[in-house]
C-alpha atoms as a PDB file:
ATOM      1  CA  MET A   1       0.964  20.205   3.151  1.00  0.00           C
ATOM      2  CA  PRO A   2       1.326  18.246   6.447  1.00  0.00           C
ATOM      3  CA  LEU A   3       3.238  14.973   6.376  1.00  0.00           C
ATOM      4  CA  ALA A   4       1.208  11.827   6.882  1.00  0.00           C
ATOM      5  CA  LEU A   5       4.256   9.557   7.020  1.00  0.00           C
ATOM      6  CA  GLN A   6       7.953  10.289   7.343  1.00  0.00           C
ATOM      7  CA  ALA A   7      10.624   7.576   7.318  1.00  0.00           C
ATOM      8  CA  HIS A   8      14.190   8.485   8.238  1.00  0.00           C
ATOM      9  CA  ASP A   9      17.236   6.246   7.663  1.00  0.00           C
ATOM     10  CA  ILE A  10      15.248   2.993   7.519  1.00  0.00           C
ATOM     11  CA  SER A  11      17.676   0.068   7.247  1.00  0.00           C
ATOM     12  CA  VAL A  12      16.995  -3.670   7.312  1.00  0.00           C
ATOM     13  CA  HIS A  13      19.409  -6.608   7.644  1.00  0.00           C
ATOM     14  CA  TYR A  14      18.588 -10.173   6.585  1.00  0.00           C
ATOM     15  CA  ASP A  15      20.983 -12.809   7.924  1.00  0.00           C
ATOM     16  CA  GLY A  16      23.754 -10.243   8.181  1.00  0.00           C
ATOM     17  CA  ALA A  17      23.176  -8.825   4.691  1.00  0.00           C
ATOM     18  CA  LEU A  18      21.939  -5.277   4.207  1.00  0.00           C
ATOM     19  CA  ALA A  19      18.579  -5.489   2.401  1.00  0.00           C
ATOM     20  CA  LEU A  20      17.575  -1.843   2.795  1.00  0.00           C
ATOM     21  CA  ARG A  21      20.026   1.015   3.330  1.00  0.00           C
ATOM     22  CA  ALA A  22      19.102   4.293   5.060  1.00  0.00           C
ATOM     23  CA  ALA A  23      15.868   4.835   3.138  1.00  0.00           C
ATOM     24  CA  GLN A  24      14.333   8.303   3.409  1.00  0.00           C
ATOM     25  CA  LEU A  25      10.705   8.715   2.415  1.00  0.00           C
ATOM     26  CA  GLN A  26       7.914  11.212   2.886  1.00  0.00           C
ATOM     27  CA  LEU A  27       4.194  10.975   2.179  1.00  0.00           C
ATOM     28  CA  ALA A  28       2.193  14.191   2.312  1.00  0.00           C
ATOM     29  CA  GLU A  29      -1.326  14.017   3.689  1.00  0.00           C
ATOM     30  CA  GLY A  30      -3.838  13.166   0.960  1.00  0.00           C
ATOM     31  CA  ASP A  31      -1.175  12.235  -1.608  1.00  0.00           C
ATOM     32  CA  ILE A  32      -0.364   9.072  -3.506  1.00  0.00           C
ATOM     33  CA  VAL A  33       3.344   8.235  -3.371  1.00  0.00           C
ATOM     34  CA  THR A  34       4.698   5.292  -5.315  1.00  0.00           C
ATOM     35  CA  VAL A  35       7.851   3.245  -4.829  1.00  0.00           C
ATOM     36  CA  VAL A  36       8.966   1.489  -7.983  1.00  0.00           C
ATOM     37  CA  GLY A  37      11.837  -0.804  -8.879  1.00  0.00           C
ATOM     38  CA  ARG A  38      12.757  -4.225 -10.141  1.00  0.00           C
ATOM     39  CA  ASN A  39      12.067  -7.535  -8.394  1.00  0.00           C
ATOM     40  CA  GLY A  40      14.222  -7.890  -5.300  1.00  0.00           C
ATOM     41  CA  ALA A  41      15.124  -4.198  -5.171  1.00  0.00           C
ATOM     42  CA  GLY A  42      13.752  -3.793  -1.635  1.00  0.00           C
ATOM     43  CA  LYS A  43      10.255  -2.434  -2.214  1.00  0.00           C
ATOM     44  CA  SER A  44       8.361  -5.016  -0.156  1.00  0.00           C
ATOM     45  CA  THR A  45      11.086  -4.950   2.506  1.00  0.00           C
ATOM     46  CA  LEU A  46      10.479  -1.228   2.892  1.00  0.00           C
ATOM     47  CA  LEU A  47       6.734  -1.685   3.426  1.00  0.00           C
ATOM     48  CA  ALA A  48       7.314  -4.542   5.866  1.00  0.00           C
ATOM     49  CA  ALA A  49       9.646  -2.329   7.877  1.00  0.00           C
ATOM     50  CA  LEU A  50       7.213   0.591   7.910  1.00  0.00           C
ATOM     51  CA  SER A  51       4.340  -1.641   9.043  1.00  0.00           C
ATOM     52  CA  GLY A  52       6.403  -3.213  11.829  1.00  0.00           C
ATOM     53  CA  LEU A  53       6.435  -6.710  10.333  1.00  0.00           C
ATOM     54  CA  ILE A  54      10.238  -6.900  10.416  1.00  0.00           C
ATOM     55  CA  PRO A  55      12.851  -5.231  12.658  1.00  0.00           C
ATOM     56  CA  ALA A  56      14.408  -2.103  11.199  1.00  0.00           C
ATOM     57  CA  ALA A  57      16.791   0.654  12.205  1.00  0.00           C
ATOM     58  CA  GLY A  58      15.830   4.297  11.743  1.00  0.00           C
ATOM     59  CA  SER A  59      12.776   6.300  12.766  1.00  0.00           C
ATOM     60  CA  LEU A  60       9.183   6.643  11.603  1.00  0.00           C
ATOM     61  CA  THR A  61       6.520   9.241  12.293  1.00  0.00           C
ATOM     62  CA  LEU A  62       2.810   9.106  11.503  1.00  0.00           C
ATOM     63  CA  PHE A  63       1.151  12.528  11.347  1.00  0.00           C
ATOM     64  CA  GLY A  64       3.999  13.838  13.511  1.00  0.00           C
ATOM     65  CA  ALA A  65       3.780  11.114  16.181  1.00  0.00           C
ATOM     66  CA  ASP A  66       6.821   8.890  16.666  1.00  0.00           C
ATOM     67  CA  ILE A  67       5.715   5.290  16.046  1.00  0.00           C
ATOM     68  CA  THR A  68       9.201   3.791  15.651  1.00  0.00           C
ATOM     69  CA  ARG A  69       8.890   1.453  18.636  1.00  0.00           C
ATOM     70  CA  MET A  70       5.195   0.694  18.309  1.00  0.00           C
ATOM     71  CA  SER A  71       3.817  -2.762  17.562  1.00  0.00           C
ATOM     72  CA  ILE A  72       1.953  -3.659  14.381  1.00  0.00           C
ATOM     73  CA  GLU A  73      -1.345  -3.490  16.266  1.00  0.00           C
ATOM     74  CA  GLN A  74      -0.566  -0.043  17.657  1.00  0.00           C
ATOM     75  CA  ARG A  75       0.352   1.255  14.206  1.00  0.00           C
ATOM     76  CA  VAL A  76      -2.892  -0.116  12.779  1.00  0.00           C
ATOM     77  CA  SER A  77      -4.925   1.472  15.581  1.00  0.00           C
ATOM     78  CA  LEU A  78      -3.337   4.828  14.699  1.00  0.00           C
ATOM     79  CA  GLY A  79      -4.291   4.418  11.048  1.00  0.00           C
ATOM     80  CA  LEU A  80      -1.307   2.800   9.303  1.00  0.00           C
ATOM     81  CA  CYS A  81      -2.439  -0.276   7.353  1.00  0.00           C
ATOM     82  CA  LEU A  82      -0.758  -2.612   4.862  1.00  0.00           C
ATOM     83  CA  VAL A  83      -2.293  -4.718   2.112  1.00  0.00           C
ATOM     84  CA  PRO A  84       0.487  -7.282   1.530  1.00  0.00           C
ATOM     85  CA  GLU A  85       1.481  -8.662  -1.848  1.00  0.00           C
ATOM     86  CA  ARG A  86       0.121 -12.128  -1.052  1.00  0.00           C
ATOM     87  CA  ARG A  87      -3.102 -10.664   0.404  1.00  0.00           C
ATOM     88  CA  GLU A  88      -2.793 -12.914   3.504  1.00  0.00           C
ATOM     89  CA  LEU A  89      -6.500 -13.669   3.711  1.00  0.00           C
ATOM     90  CA  PHE A  90      -7.965 -16.283   6.043  1.00  0.00           C
ATOM     91  CA  GLY A  91      -8.885 -18.775   3.352  1.00  0.00           C
ATOM     92  CA  GLU A  92     -11.162 -21.010   5.420  1.00  0.00           C
ATOM     93  CA  MET A  93     -13.109 -18.049   6.755  1.00  0.00           C
ATOM     94  CA  SER A  94     -15.924 -16.318   4.913  1.00  0.00           C
ATOM     95  CA  VAL A  95     -15.665 -12.977   3.181  1.00  0.00           C
ATOM     96  CA  GLU A  96     -17.793 -11.507   5.956  1.00  0.00           C
ATOM     97  CA  ASP A  97     -15.537 -12.830   8.717  1.00  0.00           C
ATOM     98  CA  ASN A  98     -12.433 -11.513   6.976  1.00  0.00           C
ATOM     99  CA  LEU A  99     -14.031  -8.061   6.867  1.00  0.00           C
ATOM    100  CA  VAL A 100     -15.026  -8.293  10.532  1.00  0.00           C
ATOM    101  CA  LEU A 101     -11.423  -9.057  11.462  1.00  0.00           C
ATOM    102  CA  GLY A 102     -10.340  -5.921   9.618  1.00  0.00           C
ATOM    103  CA  SER A 103     -12.386  -3.787  12.002  1.00  0.00           C
ATOM    104  CA  PHE A 104     -11.268  -5.595  15.179  1.00  0.00           C
ATOM    105  CA  THR A 105      -9.211  -2.737  16.650  1.00  0.00           C
ATOM    106  CA  ARG A 106     -12.125  -0.362  16.064  1.00  0.00           C
ATOM    107  CA  TRP A 107     -14.539  -2.813  17.690  1.00  0.00           C
ATOM    108  CA  GLN A 108     -12.267  -2.937  20.737  1.00  0.00           C
ATOM    109  CA  ARG A 109     -12.541   0.848  21.018  1.00  0.00           C
ATOM    110  CA  GLY A 110     -16.323   0.742  20.641  1.00  0.00           C
ATOM    111  CA  ASP A 111     -16.244   2.699  17.380  1.00  0.00           C
ATOM    112  CA  PRO A 112     -19.875   3.332  16.326  1.00  0.00           C
ATOM    113  CA  GLU A 113     -19.013   3.941  12.646  1.00  0.00           C
ATOM    114  CA  ILE A 114     -18.004   0.398  11.709  1.00  0.00           C
ATOM    115  CA  GLU A 115     -21.260  -0.339   9.878  1.00  0.00           C
ATOM    116  CA  ALA A 116     -20.904   2.877   7.855  1.00  0.00           C
ATOM    117  CA  THR A 117     -17.420   1.780   6.781  1.00  0.00           C
ATOM    118  CA  ARG A 118     -18.770  -1.629   5.826  1.00  0.00           C
ATOM    119  CA  ALA A 119     -21.410   0.023   3.630  1.00  0.00           C
ATOM    120  CA  TRP A 120     -18.675   2.105   1.980  1.00  0.00           C
ATOM    121  CA  VAL A 121     -16.588  -1.017   1.285  1.00  0.00           C
ATOM    122  CA  PHE A 122     -19.611  -2.618  -0.407  1.00  0.00           C
ATOM    123  CA  GLU A 123     -20.084   0.566  -2.413  1.00  0.00           C
ATOM    124  CA  LEU A 124     -16.505   0.272  -3.669  1.00  0.00           C
ATOM    125  CA  PHE A 125     -16.680  -3.500  -4.148  1.00  0.00           C
ATOM    126  CA  PRO A 126     -20.279  -4.669  -4.758  1.00  0.00           C
ATOM    127  CA  ARG A 127     -18.968  -8.162  -5.524  1.00  0.00           C
ATOM    128  CA  LEU A 128     -17.981  -8.614  -1.877  1.00  0.00           C
ATOM    129  CA  ARG A 129     -21.579  -8.163  -0.784  1.00  0.00           C
ATOM    130  CA  GLU A 130     -22.559 -10.915  -3.224  1.00  0.00           C
ATOM    131  CA  ARG A 131     -19.836 -13.215  -1.841  1.00  0.00           C
ATOM    132  CA  LEU A 132     -20.330 -12.572   1.893  1.00  0.00           C
ATOM    133  CA  GLY A 133     -20.870 -16.200   2.867  1.00  0.00           C
ATOM    134  CA  GLN A 134     -18.237 -17.653   0.548  1.00  0.00           C
ATOM    135  CA  LYS A 135     -14.860 -18.858   1.826  1.00  0.00           C
ATOM    136  CA  ALA A 136     -12.033 -16.540   0.887  1.00  0.00           C
ATOM    137  CA  ARG A 137      -9.994 -19.350  -0.711  1.00  0.00           C
ATOM    138  CA  LEU A 138     -12.756 -19.887  -3.286  1.00  0.00           C
ATOM    139  CA  LEU A 139     -12.633 -16.325  -4.616  1.00  0.00           C
ATOM    140  CA  SER A 140     -11.052 -15.396  -7.922  1.00  0.00           C
ATOM    141  CA  GLY A 141      -7.760 -13.483  -7.940  1.00  0.00           C
ATOM    142  CA  GLY A 142      -9.518 -10.179  -8.490  1.00  0.00           C
ATOM    143  CA  GLU A 143     -12.033 -10.906  -5.749  1.00  0.00           C
ATOM    144  CA  ARG A 144      -9.254 -11.808  -3.315  1.00  0.00           C
ATOM    145  CA  GLN A 145      -7.578  -8.485  -3.988  1.00  0.00           C
ATOM    146  CA  MET A 146     -10.903  -6.705  -3.443  1.00  0.00           C
ATOM    147  CA  LEU A 147     -11.290  -8.512  -0.129  1.00  0.00           C
ATOM    148  CA  ALA A 148      -7.733  -7.746   0.967  1.00  0.00           C
ATOM    149  CA  LEU A 149      -8.255  -4.070   0.244  1.00  0.00           C
ATOM    150  CA  GLY A 150     -11.748  -4.085   1.757  1.00  0.00           C
ATOM    151  CA  ARG A 151     -10.443  -5.711   4.938  1.00  0.00           C
ATOM    152  CA  ALA A 152      -7.783  -3.011   5.266  1.00  0.00           C
ATOM    153  CA  LEU A 153     -10.373  -0.291   4.711  1.00  0.00           C
ATOM    154  CA  MET A 154     -12.463  -1.720   7.558  1.00  0.00           C
ATOM    155  CA  ALA A 155      -9.684  -0.499   9.870  1.00  0.00           C
ATOM    156  CA  ARG A 156     -10.363   3.010   8.496  1.00  0.00           C
ATOM    157  CA  PRO A 157      -6.736   3.738   7.613  1.00  0.00           C
ATOM    158  CA  ARG A 158      -5.318   7.218   7.401  1.00  0.00           C
ATOM    159  CA  VAL A 159      -2.275   5.876   5.546  1.00  0.00           C
ATOM    160  CA  LEU A 160      -2.789   2.822   3.336  1.00  0.00           C
ATOM    161  CA  MET A 161       0.240   0.911   2.063  1.00  0.00           C
ATOM    162  CA  LEU A 162      -0.362  -1.291  -0.984  1.00  0.00           C
ATOM    163  CA  ASP A 163       2.173  -3.925  -2.023  1.00  0.00           C
ATOM    164  CA  GLU A 164       1.829  -4.875  -5.698  1.00  0.00           C
ATOM    165  CA  PRO A 165      -1.986  -4.548  -5.918  1.00  0.00           C
ATOM    166  CA  SER A 166      -1.969  -5.364  -9.647  1.00  0.00           C
ATOM    167  CA  LEU A 167       0.057  -8.572  -9.337  1.00  0.00           C
ATOM    168  CA  GLY A 168      -1.511 -11.477 -11.209  1.00  0.00           C
ATOM    169  CA  LEU A 169      -4.690  -9.614 -12.144  1.00  0.00           C
ATOM    170  CA  ALA A 170      -6.333  -9.255 -15.534  1.00  0.00           C
ATOM    171  CA  PRO A 171      -5.886  -5.822 -17.183  1.00  0.00           C
ATOM    172  CA  VAL A 172      -9.534  -4.857 -16.681  1.00  0.00           C
ATOM    173  CA  ILE A 173      -9.265  -5.609 -12.939  1.00  0.00           C
ATOM    174  CA  VAL A 174      -5.971  -3.690 -12.747  1.00  0.00           C
ATOM    175  CA  ARG A 175      -7.622  -0.611 -14.231  1.00  0.00           C
ATOM    176  CA  ASP A 176     -10.408  -0.873 -11.698  1.00  0.00           C
ATOM    177  CA  MET A 177      -7.935  -1.193  -8.823  1.00  0.00           C
ATOM    178  CA  PHE A 178      -6.089   1.944  -9.840  1.00  0.00           C
ATOM    179  CA  ARG A 179      -9.415   3.765 -10.161  1.00  0.00           C
ATOM    180  CA  ILE A 180     -10.250   2.712  -6.601  1.00  0.00           C
ATOM    181  CA  ILE A 181      -6.899   4.047  -5.380  1.00  0.00           C
ATOM    182  CA  LEU A 182      -7.795   7.450  -6.830  1.00  0.00           C
ATOM    183  CA  VAL A 183     -11.189   7.272  -5.103  1.00  0.00           C
ATOM    184  CA  LEU A 184      -9.421   6.596  -1.791  1.00  0.00           C
ATOM    185  CA  LYS A 185      -7.298   9.683  -2.328  1.00  0.00           C
ATOM    186  CA  GLN A 186     -10.435  11.727  -2.911  1.00  0.00           C
ATOM    187  CA  ARG A 187     -11.756  10.405   0.398  1.00  0.00           C
ATOM    188  CA  GLY A 188      -8.648  11.720   2.174  1.00  0.00           C
ATOM    189  CA  VAL A 189      -6.681   8.469   2.479  1.00  0.00           C
ATOM    190  CA  SER A 190      -2.924   8.904   1.990  1.00  0.00           C
ATOM    191  CA  VAL A 191      -1.557   6.049  -0.140  1.00  0.00           C
ATOM    192  CA  LEU A 192       1.924   4.537  -0.333  1.00  0.00           C
ATOM    193  CA  LEU A 193       1.951   2.321  -3.409  1.00  0.00           C
ATOM    194  CA  VAL A 194       4.594  -0.288  -4.255  1.00  0.00           C
ATOM    195  CA  GLU A 195       4.077  -1.429  -7.808  1.00  0.00           C
ATOM    196  CA  GLN A 196       5.939  -3.167 -10.660  1.00  0.00           C
ATOM    197  CA  ASN A 197       3.570  -1.614 -13.187  1.00  0.00           C
ATOM    198  CA  VAL A 198       5.634   1.566 -13.238  1.00  0.00           C
ATOM    199  CA  ARG A 199       3.657   3.318 -15.951  1.00  0.00           C
ATOM    200  CA  ALA A 200       0.320   2.855 -14.176  1.00  0.00           C
ATOM    201  CA  ALA A 201       1.750   3.771 -10.781  1.00  0.00           C
ATOM    202  CA  LEU A 202       3.367   7.008 -11.950  1.00  0.00           C
ATOM    203  CA  ALA A 203       0.195   7.935 -13.856  1.00  0.00           C
ATOM    204  CA  ILE A 204      -1.816   8.223 -10.618  1.00  0.00           C
ATOM    205  CA  ALA A 205       0.917   9.190  -8.143  1.00  0.00           C
ATOM    206  CA  ASP A 206       1.845  12.659  -6.952  1.00  0.00           C
ATOM    207  CA  TYR A 207       5.423  11.726  -6.107  1.00  0.00           C
ATOM    208  CA  GLY A 208       7.655   8.741  -6.727  1.00  0.00           C
ATOM    209  CA  TYR A 209      10.741   6.972  -5.447  1.00  0.00           C
ATOM    210  CA  VAL A 210      12.910   4.569  -7.433  1.00  0.00           C
ATOM    211  CA  ILE A 211      14.611   1.888  -5.351  1.00  0.00           C
ATOM    212  CA  GLU A 212      17.585  -0.154  -6.581  1.00  0.00           C
ATOM    213  CA  ASN A 213      19.615  -2.694  -4.633  1.00  0.00           C
ATOM    214  CA  GLY A 214      18.061  -1.621  -1.348  1.00  0.00           C
ATOM    215  CA  GLU A 215      18.704   2.084  -1.816  1.00  0.00           C
ATOM    216  CA  ILE A 216      16.609   5.037  -2.993  1.00  0.00           C
ATOM    217  CA  ALA A 217      18.261   5.771  -6.342  1.00  0.00           C
ATOM    218  CA  ALA A 218      15.983   8.573  -7.548  1.00  0.00           C
ATOM    219  CA  GLU A 219      12.916  10.518  -6.492  1.00  0.00           C
ATOM    220  CA  GLY A 220      10.749  13.315  -7.764  1.00  0.00           C
ATOM    221  CA  VAL A 221       7.326  14.523  -8.833  1.00  0.00           C
ATOM    222  CA  ALA A 222       5.686  11.601 -10.612  1.00  0.00           C
ATOM    223  CA  GLU A 223       5.012  13.550 -13.784  1.00  0.00           C
ATOM    224  CA  GLU A 224       8.686  14.504 -14.007  1.00  0.00           C
ATOM    225  CA  LEU A 225       9.854  10.935 -13.405  1.00  0.00           C
ATOM    226  CA  GLN A 226       7.717   9.839 -16.362  1.00  0.00           C
ATOM    227  CA  ARG A 227       9.758  12.195 -18.552  1.00  0.00           C
ATOM    228  CA  ASP A 228      13.164  11.263 -17.118  1.00  0.00           C
ATOM    229  CA  ALA A 229      15.078   9.523 -19.910  1.00  0.00           C
ATOM    230  CA  VAL A 230      16.936   7.188 -17.545  1.00  0.00           C
ATOM    231  CA  ILE A 231      13.733   6.153 -15.759  1.00  0.00           C
ATOM    232  CA  VAL A 232      11.918   5.725 -19.055  1.00  0.00           C
ATOM    233  CA  GLN A 233      14.615   3.487 -20.550  1.00  0.00           C
ATOM    234  CA  ALA A 234      14.998   1.404 -17.383  1.00  0.00           C
ATOM    235  CA  TYR A 235      11.336   0.918 -16.484  1.00  0.00           C
ATOM    236  CA  LEU A 236       8.987   2.166 -19.187  1.00  0.00           C
ATOM    237  CA  GLY A 237      10.664   0.998 -22.394  1.00  0.00           C
ATOM    238  CA  ARG A 238      12.579   2.973 -24.977  1.00  0.00           C
ATOM    239  CA  GLY A 239       9.500   3.474 -27.084  1.00  0.00           C
ATOM    240  CA  ALA A 240       8.110   5.777 -24.428  1.00  0.00           C
ATOM    241  CA  VAL A 241      10.798   8.410 -25.022  1.00  0.00           C
ATOM    242  CA  HIS A 242       9.693  11.252 -27.240  1.00  0.00           C
ATOM    243  CA  GLY A 243      11.643  14.264 -28.494  1.00  0.00           C
END
């Protein structure tokens, strides 16, 4: 299967300290790949480096094209989009205006399919249609996550990076979010998922990476990682080990 994203030797320094060391990662086209680990392990740093938000050493290709030196805007225009952990919505702007901003690079290119994407976003998140005129800061936590994801989808990403999409959400909303991620996969979107809810992430992923202290400590087919005794004890709880 062709590679959607390939990261080679990605390293990040913060104030002279090494926050991410020579990370190697691959995402096959149409797959869900998850990166799991404890707080502060380097998961969000990895996504920030891949999106171009922070300087990083190493190289990065998107569907075979070298994007290492490209700006954030250029990466987005080529289909690499990030939904950050804090959602980063424009709180004083309406839901509608936040969605419009998500499609800005497409509007610049004169893309005629923007309205079709908007209809698809409303199909995934009917609540956003109901809240179109409401300011983003007045939305509930679940609604803000819907809007953050909807805004990213307005850019029509080929590779969607999600940073802790379940953070702070009620269990019923979390289940719905993970269902949506599977729907995106069915629509051909390749997904790189950073998530503290290790059990839920591995349940929907094709492949997984475990990051510890800024380094990739383990990787493998998600189903196999769920059965790995070390992974189970460290992240899933001892009660999950059977046999």
